[in-house]
Amino acid sequence: MSIEEKILKMRREYSGEPLDESSVDPDPVHQFEKWFEDAVKAEVVDPHAMVIATATRMGKPTARVVLLRGLDQNGLIFYTGYISRKGIEVLSNPIAAAVFFWRELDRQIRVEGLIEKVSDAESDKYFQSRPRENQIATWASSQSQVVVRANQFKTSREKLDALFKEFEEKFAGKPVLRPANWGGFRLKPSSYEFWQGKPGRLHDRVLYSTNENGGWQIDRLAP
């Protein structure tokens, strides 16, 4: 059987509690929090994992999984290297989209909006909360850049390990400060979409979009 045939045979039925635009929370952040708590109770693996999609200034898209590290009325926060591919794209084209998918609950949340750097104080606070090993790894890694081999290393991985050791020794016995080229981004939503899988592909989709008064318009979308 070919890969295409195997893919075509992959089919399952979705099921879940009803999602109705008349009964959801009027605030999408509160609705998100309710669903997130459900995901935690259902023991979803990494419920804070989300796909972040960005694009170059010319509109070429890329996507990857990152971890949500903050959520409030101002938006969703994640941290990364500013010289990483996503960091460069965000700084040149500050529009992004995020997707959460919780298979165990047949639920998905999509978020779209503008994206901006968080304050240095916020980035510093989060960086100091990370395990020390993670802090050192941030210094050792030029995120998304090709690891060029040097003659004394058999593999580029060995060079990366050597860089980690170098910074481990540099910061021995003292706090690890946040590199200037690493920090947080905040996705400021202009829309949230909550998707609940249902039998027969008649899924429930509820869209929150900003209105002219600065509030939220709630609509049901066709599956």
C-alpha atoms as a PDB file:
ATOM      1  CA  MET A   1       0.000   0.000   0.000  1.00  0.00           C
ATOM      2  CA  SER A   2       1.382   3.410  -0.974  1.00  0.00           C
ATOM      3  CA  ILE A   3       1.710   6.343   1.393  1.00  0.00           C
ATOM      4  CA  GLU A   4      -1.114   8.084  -0.478  1.00  0.00           C
ATOM      5  CA  GLU A   5      -3.397   5.067  -0.011  1.00  0.00           C
ATOM      6  CA  LYS A   6      -2.537   4.869   3.676  1.00  0.00           C
ATOM      7  CA  ILE A   7      -3.308   8.567   4.107  1.00  0.00           C
ATOM      8  CA  LEU A   8      -6.658   8.228   2.346  1.00  0.00           C
ATOM      9  CA  LYS A   9      -7.619   5.379   4.678  1.00  0.00           C
ATOM     10  CA  MET A  10      -6.910   7.476   7.758  1.00  0.00           C
ATOM     11  CA  ARG A  11     -10.313   8.566   8.991  1.00  0.00           C
ATOM     12  CA  ARG A  12     -11.951   8.822  12.376  1.00  0.00           C
ATOM     13  CA  GLU A  13     -15.079  10.327  13.846  1.00  0.00           C
ATOM     14  CA  TYR A  14     -14.878  13.422  16.028  1.00  0.00           C
ATOM     15  CA  SER A  15     -16.956  13.949  19.146  1.00  0.00           C
ATOM     16  CA  GLY A  16     -17.220  16.576  21.825  1.00  0.00           C
ATOM     17  CA  GLU A  17     -19.459  18.751  23.926  1.00  0.00           C
ATOM     18  CA  PRO A  18     -21.624  21.271  22.055  1.00  0.00           C
ATOM     19  CA  LEU A  19     -20.121  24.716  21.489  1.00  0.00           C
ATOM     20  CA  ASP A  20     -22.682  27.449  20.936  1.00  0.00           C
ATOM     21  CA  GLU A  21     -22.157  31.135  20.310  1.00  0.00           C
ATOM     22  CA  SER A  22     -24.988  31.978  22.712  1.00  0.00           C
ATOM     23  CA  SER A  23     -23.415  30.163  25.669  1.00  0.00           C
ATOM     24  CA  VAL A  24     -19.680  30.879  25.367  1.00  0.00           C
ATOM     25  CA  ASP A  25     -18.057  33.425  27.639  1.00  0.00           C
ATOM     26  CA  PRO A  26     -18.342  36.944  26.193  1.00  0.00           C
ATOM     27  CA  ASP A  27     -14.605  37.382  26.782  1.00  0.00           C
ATOM     28  CA  PRO A  28     -12.414  35.157  24.565  1.00  0.00           C
ATOM     29  CA  VAL A  29      -9.585  35.180  27.115  1.00  0.00           C
ATOM     30  CA  HIS A  30     -11.904  33.715  29.740  1.00  0.00           C
ATOM     31  CA  GLN A  31     -13.173  31.164  27.214  1.00  0.00           C
ATOM     32  CA  PHE A  32      -9.567  30.259  26.428  1.00  0.00           C
ATOM     33  CA  GLU A  33      -8.826  29.819  30.140  1.00  0.00           C
ATOM     34  CA  LYS A  34     -11.824  27.493  30.539  1.00  0.00           C
ATOM     35  CA  TRP A  35     -10.706  25.316  27.635  1.00  0.00           C
ATOM     36  CA  PHE A  36      -7.118  25.354  28.814  1.00  0.00           C
ATOM     37  CA  GLU A  37      -8.195  24.091  32.245  1.00  0.00           C
ATOM     38  CA  ASP A  38     -10.169  21.333  30.500  1.00  0.00           C
ATOM     39  CA  ALA A  39      -7.023  20.371  28.580  1.00  0.00           C
ATOM     40  CA  VAL A  40      -4.981  20.216  31.784  1.00  0.00           C
ATOM     41  CA  LYS A  41      -7.637  18.054  33.484  1.00  0.00           C
ATOM     42  CA  ALA A  42      -7.713  15.760  30.448  1.00  0.00           C
ATOM     43  CA  GLU A  43      -3.929  15.373  30.791  1.00  0.00           C
ATOM     44  CA  VAL A  44      -3.254  16.667  27.294  1.00  0.00           C
ATOM     45  CA  VAL A  45       0.468  16.433  26.614  1.00  0.00           C
ATOM     46  CA  ASP A  46       1.965  19.951  26.533  1.00  0.00           C
ATOM     47  CA  PRO A  47      -1.366  21.831  26.413  1.00  0.00           C
ATOM     48  CA  HIS A  48       0.662  25.064  26.216  1.00  0.00           C
ATOM     49  CA  ALA A  49       2.284  24.035  22.917  1.00  0.00           C
ATOM     50  CA  MET A  50       1.133  26.131  19.970  1.00  0.00           C
ATOM     51  CA  VAL A  51       2.022  26.501  16.335  1.00  0.00           C
ATOM     52  CA  ILE A  52       3.142  30.037  15.537  1.00  0.00           C
ATOM     53  CA  ALA A  53       2.957  31.098  11.888  1.00  0.00           C
ATOM     54  CA  THR A  54       4.875  34.141  10.696  1.00  0.00           C
ATOM     55  CA  ALA A  55       5.897  35.489   7.304  1.00  0.00           C
ATOM     56  CA  THR A  56       8.708  37.403   5.698  1.00  0.00           C
ATOM     57  CA  ARG A  57       8.214  40.948   4.493  1.00  0.00           C
ATOM     58  CA  MET A  58       7.504  39.427   1.056  1.00  0.00           C
ATOM     59  CA  GLY A  59       4.808  37.164   2.516  1.00  0.00           C
ATOM     60  CA  LYS A  60       6.640  33.813   2.525  1.00  0.00           C
ATOM     61  CA  PRO A  61       5.127  31.891   5.481  1.00  0.00           C
ATOM     62  CA  THR A  62       6.811  29.637   8.014  1.00  0.00           C
ATOM     63  CA  ALA A  63       5.415  27.834  11.072  1.00  0.00           C
ATOM     64  CA  ARG A  64       6.801  26.036  14.114  1.00  0.00           C
ATOM     65  CA  VAL A  65       5.760  24.837  17.569  1.00  0.00           C
ATOM     66  CA  VAL A  66       6.582  27.066  20.543  1.00  0.00           C
ATOM     67  CA  LEU A  67       5.405  27.146  24.160  1.00  0.00           C
ATOM     68  CA  LEU A  68       2.899  29.644  25.500  1.00  0.00           C
ATOM     69  CA  ARG A  69       4.467  31.411  28.476  1.00  0.00           C
ATOM     70  CA  GLY A  70       1.854  34.039  29.289  1.00  0.00           C
ATOM     71  CA  LEU A  71      -1.785  34.916  28.622  1.00  0.00           C
ATOM     72  CA  ASP A  72      -3.817  37.951  29.635  1.00  0.00           C
ATOM     73  CA  GLN A  73      -6.061  40.607  28.144  1.00  0.00           C
ATOM     74  CA  ASN A  74      -3.073  42.009  26.240  1.00  0.00           C
ATOM     75  CA  GLY A  75      -2.301  38.788  24.401  1.00  0.00           C
ATOM     76  CA  LEU A  76      -0.266  35.579  24.229  1.00  0.00           C
ATOM     77  CA  ILE A  77       3.431  35.569  25.131  1.00  0.00           C
ATOM     78  CA  PHE A  78       6.249  33.305  23.971  1.00  0.00           C
ATOM     79  CA  TYR A  79      10.035  33.636  24.089  1.00  0.00           C
ATOM     80  CA  THR A  80      12.691  33.115  21.433  1.00  0.00           C
ATOM     81  CA  GLY A  81      15.872  34.478  19.918  1.00  0.00           C
ATOM     82  CA  TYR A  82      15.414  37.775  18.123  1.00  0.00           C
ATOM     83  CA  ILE A  83      17.912  36.578  15.489  1.00  0.00           C
ATOM     84  CA  SER A  84      16.041  33.308  14.955  1.00  0.00           C
ATOM     85  CA  ARG A  85      14.062  32.926  11.759  1.00  0.00           C
ATOM     86  CA  LYS A  86      10.769  33.691  13.474  1.00  0.00           C
ATOM     87  CA  GLY A  87      12.317  36.575  15.369  1.00  0.00           C
ATOM     88  CA  ILE A  88      13.592  38.189  12.186  1.00  0.00           C
ATOM     89  CA  GLU A  89      10.244  37.658  10.457  1.00  0.00           C
ATOM     90  CA  VAL A  90       8.255  39.126  13.352  1.00  0.00           C
ATOM     91  CA  LEU A  91      10.458  42.206  13.509  1.00  0.00           C
ATOM     92  CA  SER A  92      10.092  42.824   9.770  1.00  0.00           C
ATOM     93  CA  ASN A  93       6.432  41.808   9.389  1.00  0.00           C
ATOM     94  CA  PRO A  94       4.637  42.050  12.772  1.00  0.00           C
ATOM     95  CA  ILE A  95       1.585  39.909  11.974  1.00  0.00           C
ATOM     96  CA  ALA A  96       1.213  36.332  13.224  1.00  0.00           C
ATOM     97  CA  ALA A  97      -1.202  33.485  13.871  1.00  0.00           C
ATOM     98  CA  ALA A  98      -1.232  30.797  16.565  1.00  0.00           C
ATOM     99  CA  VAL A  99      -2.945  27.404  16.670  1.00  0.00           C
ATOM    100  CA  PHE A 100      -3.544  25.099  19.643  1.00  0.00           C
ATOM    101  CA  PHE A 101      -4.784  21.554  18.934  1.00  0.00           C
ATOM    102  CA  TRP A 102      -5.873  19.277  21.745  1.00  0.00           C
ATOM    103  CA  ARG A 103      -6.468  15.854  20.215  1.00  0.00           C
ATOM    104  CA  GLU A 104      -7.796  14.331  23.431  1.00  0.00           C
ATOM    105  CA  LEU A 105     -10.685  16.814  23.430  1.00  0.00           C
ATOM    106  CA  ASP A 106     -11.071  17.269  19.659  1.00  0.00           C
ATOM    107  CA  ARG A 107     -10.577  20.985  20.168  1.00  0.00           C
ATOM    108  CA  GLN A 108      -8.641  23.678  18.375  1.00  0.00           C
ATOM    109  CA  ILE A 109      -8.084  27.378  19.062  1.00  0.00           C
ATOM    110  CA  ARG A 110      -6.836  29.774  16.410  1.00  0.00           C
ATOM    111  CA  VAL A 111      -5.562  33.249  17.259  1.00  0.00           C
ATOM    112  CA  GLU A 112      -4.579  36.003  14.829  1.00  0.00           C
ATOM    113  CA  GLY A 113      -3.250  39.495  15.343  1.00  0.00           C
ATOM    114  CA  LEU A 114      -0.345  41.904  15.525  1.00  0.00           C
ATOM    115  CA  ILE A 115       2.804  40.922  17.385  1.00  0.00           C
ATOM    116  CA  GLU A 116       5.302  42.995  19.339  1.00  0.00           C
ATOM    117  CA  LYS A 117       8.234  42.630  21.732  1.00  0.00           C
ATOM    118  CA  VAL A 118       7.443  42.454  25.428  1.00  0.00           C
ATOM    119  CA  SER A 119       9.335  44.838  27.712  1.00  0.00           C
ATOM    120  CA  ASP A 120      12.922  44.123  28.727  1.00  0.00           C
ATOM    121  CA  ALA A 121      11.715  43.816  32.323  1.00  0.00           C
ATOM    122  CA  GLU A 122       9.258  41.053  31.356  1.00  0.00           C
ATOM    123  CA  SER A 123      11.924  39.219  29.372  1.00  0.00           C
ATOM    124  CA  ASP A 124      14.433  39.519  32.227  1.00  0.00           C
ATOM    125  CA  LYS A 125      11.923  38.194  34.761  1.00  0.00           C
ATOM    126  CA  TYR A 126      11.047  35.185  32.642  1.00  0.00           C
ATOM    127  CA  PHE A 127      14.682  34.453  31.774  1.00  0.00           C
ATOM    128  CA  GLN A 128      15.619  34.336  35.459  1.00  0.00           C
ATOM    129  CA  SER A 129      12.780  31.851  36.098  1.00  0.00           C
ATOM    130  CA  ARG A 130      14.275  29.339  33.643  1.00  0.00           C
ATOM    131  CA  PRO A 131      16.491  26.435  34.725  1.00  0.00           C
ATOM    132  CA  ARG A 132      20.164  27.465  34.734  1.00  0.00           C
ATOM    133  CA  GLU A 133      20.987  24.897  32.050  1.00  0.00           C
ATOM    134  CA  ASN A 134      18.402  26.490  29.752  1.00  0.00           C
ATOM    135  CA  GLN A 135      19.852  29.929  30.408  1.00  0.00           C
ATOM    136  CA  ILE A 136      23.333  28.790  29.419  1.00  0.00           C
ATOM    137  CA  ALA A 137      21.995  27.018  26.325  1.00  0.00           C
ATOM    138  CA  THR A 138      20.518  30.338  25.196  1.00  0.00           C
ATOM    139  CA  TRP A 139      23.996  31.870  25.186  1.00  0.00           C
ATOM    140  CA  ALA A 140      25.513  28.867  23.398  1.00  0.00           C
ATOM    141  CA  SER A 141      22.955  28.799  20.595  1.00  0.00           C
ATOM    142  CA  SER A 142      22.744  31.271  17.722  1.00  0.00           C
ATOM    143  CA  GLN A 143      19.194  30.123  17.118  1.00  0.00           C
ATOM    144  CA  SER A 144      18.328  29.049  13.556  1.00  0.00           C
ATOM    145  CA  GLN A 145      21.864  29.723  12.328  1.00  0.00           C
ATOM    146  CA  VAL A 146      23.943  26.985  10.699  1.00  0.00           C
ATOM    147  CA  VAL A 147      26.432  25.494  13.174  1.00  0.00           C
ATOM    148  CA  VAL A 148      29.724  25.772  11.277  1.00  0.00           C
ATOM    149  CA  ARG A 149      32.243  23.052  12.034  1.00  0.00           C
ATOM    150  CA  ALA A 150      35.706  23.907  13.229  1.00  0.00           C
ATOM    151  CA  ASN A 151      38.686  21.639  12.486  1.00  0.00           C
ATOM    152  CA  GLN A 152      39.020  20.414  16.059  1.00  0.00           C
ATOM    153  CA  PHE A 153      35.492  18.942  16.112  1.00  0.00           C
ATOM    154  CA  LYS A 154      34.339  15.782  14.366  1.00  0.00           C
ATOM    155  CA  THR A 155      30.742  16.998  14.160  1.00  0.00           C
ATOM    156  CA  SER A 156      28.905  20.299  14.400  1.00  0.00           C
ATOM    157  CA  ARG A 157      27.112  18.886  17.453  1.00  0.00           C
ATOM    158  CA  GLU A 158      30.456  18.629  19.218  1.00  0.00           C
ATOM    159  CA  LYS A 159      31.027  22.309  18.535  1.00  0.00           C
ATOM    160  CA  LEU A 160      27.640  23.165  20.008  1.00  0.00           C
ATOM    161  CA  ASP A 161      28.436  21.123  23.130  1.00  0.00           C
ATOM    162  CA  ALA A 162      31.800  22.887  23.400  1.00  0.00           C
ATOM    163  CA  LEU A 163      30.094  26.295  23.238  1.00  0.00           C
ATOM    164  CA  PHE A 164      27.764  25.240  26.045  1.00  0.00           C
ATOM    165  CA  LYS A 165      30.767  24.199  28.136  1.00  0.00           C
ATOM    166  CA  GLU A 166      32.480  27.509  27.390  1.00  0.00           C
ATOM    167  CA  PHE A 167      29.537  29.569  28.657  1.00  0.00           C
ATOM    168  CA  GLU A 168      29.018  27.219  31.587  1.00  0.00           C
ATOM    169  CA  GLU A 169      32.559  28.061  32.699  1.00  0.00           C
ATOM    170  CA  LYS A 170      32.106  31.765  31.950  1.00  0.00           C
ATOM    171  CA  PHE A 171      29.088  32.012  34.269  1.00  0.00           C
ATOM    172  CA  ALA A 172      30.412  29.634  36.945  1.00  0.00           C
ATOM    173  CA  GLY A 173      29.466  30.909  40.397  1.00  0.00           C
ATOM    174  CA  LYS A 174      27.446  33.878  39.174  1.00  0.00           C
ATOM    175  CA  PRO A 175      23.982  34.611  37.722  1.00  0.00           C
ATOM    176  CA  VAL A 176      23.369  34.091  34.022  1.00  0.00           C
ATOM    177  CA  LEU A 177      22.112  37.328  32.482  1.00  0.00           C
ATOM    178  CA  ARG A 178      19.671  37.419  29.580  1.00  0.00           C
ATOM    179  CA  PRO A 179      21.347  37.896  26.183  1.00  0.00           C
ATOM    180  CA  ALA A 180      20.253  41.089  24.458  1.00  0.00           C
ATOM    181  CA  ASN A 181      19.239  39.094  21.359  1.00  0.00           C
ATOM    182  CA  TRP A 182      16.724  36.919  23.236  1.00  0.00           C
ATOM    183  CA  GLY A 183      13.352  37.799  24.711  1.00  0.00           C
ATOM    184  CA  GLY A 184       9.597  37.709  24.479  1.00  0.00           C
ATOM    185  CA  PHE A 185       6.957  38.464  21.891  1.00  0.00           C
ATOM    186  CA  ARG A 186       3.306  39.216  22.562  1.00  0.00           C
ATOM    187  CA  LEU A 187       0.648  38.255  20.013  1.00  0.00           C
ATOM    188  CA  LYS A 188      -2.132  40.833  20.418  1.00  0.00           C
ATOM    189  CA  PRO A 189      -5.289  39.127  19.122  1.00  0.00           C
ATOM    190  CA  SER A 190      -7.720  40.675  16.684  1.00  0.00           C
ATOM    191  CA  SER A 191      -9.573  37.341  16.529  1.00  0.00           C
ATOM    192  CA  TYR A 192      -9.996  34.054  18.368  1.00  0.00           C
ATOM    193  CA  GLU A 193     -11.657  31.015  16.836  1.00  0.00           C
ATOM    194  CA  PHE A 194     -12.772  28.078  18.979  1.00  0.00           C
ATOM    195  CA  TRP A 195     -13.305  24.796  17.113  1.00  0.00           C
ATOM    196  CA  GLN A 196     -15.015  21.717  18.558  1.00  0.00           C
ATOM    197  CA  GLY A 197     -14.958  18.528  16.494  1.00  0.00           C
ATOM    198  CA  LYS A 198     -18.395  16.947  16.034  1.00  0.00           C
ATOM    199  CA  PRO A 199     -19.760  13.808  14.335  1.00  0.00           C
ATOM    200  CA  GLY A 200     -20.376  13.911  10.602  1.00  0.00           C
ATOM    201  CA  ARG A 201     -17.928  16.796  10.177  1.00  0.00           C
ATOM    202  CA  LEU A 202     -20.592  19.276  11.340  1.00  0.00           C
ATOM    203  CA  HIS A 203     -18.054  20.871  13.639  1.00  0.00           C
ATOM    204  CA  ASP A 204     -18.840  23.774  15.955  1.00  0.00           C
ATOM    205  CA  ARG A 205     -16.849  26.928  15.187  1.00  0.00           C
ATOM    206  CA  VAL A 206     -17.222  30.143  17.188  1.00  0.00           C
ATOM    207  CA  LEU A 207     -15.368  33.277  16.099  1.00  0.00           C
ATOM    208  CA  TYR A 208     -14.571  36.282  18.276  1.00  0.00           C
ATOM    209  CA  SER A 209     -13.512  39.306  16.237  1.00  0.00           C
ATOM    210  CA  THR A 210     -12.868  42.868  17.321  1.00  0.00           C
ATOM    211  CA  ASN A 211     -15.556  45.394  16.500  1.00  0.00           C
ATOM    212  CA  GLU A 212     -15.440  49.138  15.922  1.00  0.00           C
ATOM    213  CA  ASN A 213     -16.174  49.832  19.589  1.00  0.00           C
ATOM    214  CA  GLY A 214     -13.183  47.856  20.801  1.00  0.00           C
ATOM    215  CA  GLY A 215     -15.317  44.967  22.019  1.00  0.00           C
ATOM    216  CA  TRP A 216     -15.832  41.448  20.702  1.00  0.00           C
ATOM    217  CA  GLN A 217     -18.296  40.321  18.040  1.00  0.00           C
ATOM    218  CA  ILE A 218     -19.237  36.632  18.417  1.00  0.00           C
ATOM    219  CA  ASP A 219     -20.388  34.604  15.418  1.00  0.00           C
ATOM    220  CA  ARG A 220     -20.835  30.961  14.433  1.00  0.00           C
ATOM    221  CA  LEU A 221     -18.888  29.873  11.360  1.00  0.00           C
ATOM    222  CA  ALA A 222     -19.961  27.114   9.006  1.00  0.00           C
ATOM    223  CA  PRO A 223     -17.799  24.001   9.395  1.00  0.00           C
END
